[in-house]
């Protein structure tokens, strides 16, 4: 089996679910049909389907097949549970997206920034601020701080497109884990300036630390979302614990 074949299959099926080639509520083709289509083993197909199930796209129906349970969330700009770029999220929700970079600065971490981000004092970082637009409306004010040694060659032009695609496709980085905290916070003057909040006086905030496959924290980020365009969405499974026995 070619390396990463299951990932190619996963991405293809995921795209077809998102564009309703495989609509909500229907059963996917059988494993046999998928093995014929992709010229691969059943194990490869099962691995791809397992990822889709973990992300809430499909559910196995014993004795019936694999059912599509994904539905687009029209105002969702961020999916909790996966590490997804802004452009990927917009495409998933069939929305037009673009990014405007408003700051791109080289800094050295001082004690204040170290306490805030977790980067050691003296670490050289890139400080980036961006405004994210969906259908011409500003919906996210992003603050990204990257460990400079891990993002060599990063430019404002790349930041205006997709930094993660650059890291993965050009630098070969494997982005593995993101630790996130979600809060609702009173809007600052900067939020009001860039997000066109109208009558809202608060924003939804996701603060995160992201690690690569070498265990290096390469990014601290804070995404400040317009509340009208923020949706907390997750997929969870219940692992029922056995009842405790006494006596």
Foldseek 3Di string as FASTA:
>chain_A
DPPPLLVVVLVVVLVCDLVPVPDAFHADDALVVVCVVSVDDSVSPVVSVVVCVQFQQWDADPPPHIGGHDDADQLAQDEPPDDDWSVRSCVSNVWDKWKDWDDWDWDFADPVNCVVFVDDGGFIWIWTWMFMDTNNATWKIKTKIFRDVQQPPDDNVCVRPTSVCCSCVPVVWAWDDKDKDKDKAFDDPVCCVRHVQPPDGIWIKIWIFTATPVRDRGMTMIMTGNVVRHDHHGDDDDDDDDDDDDD
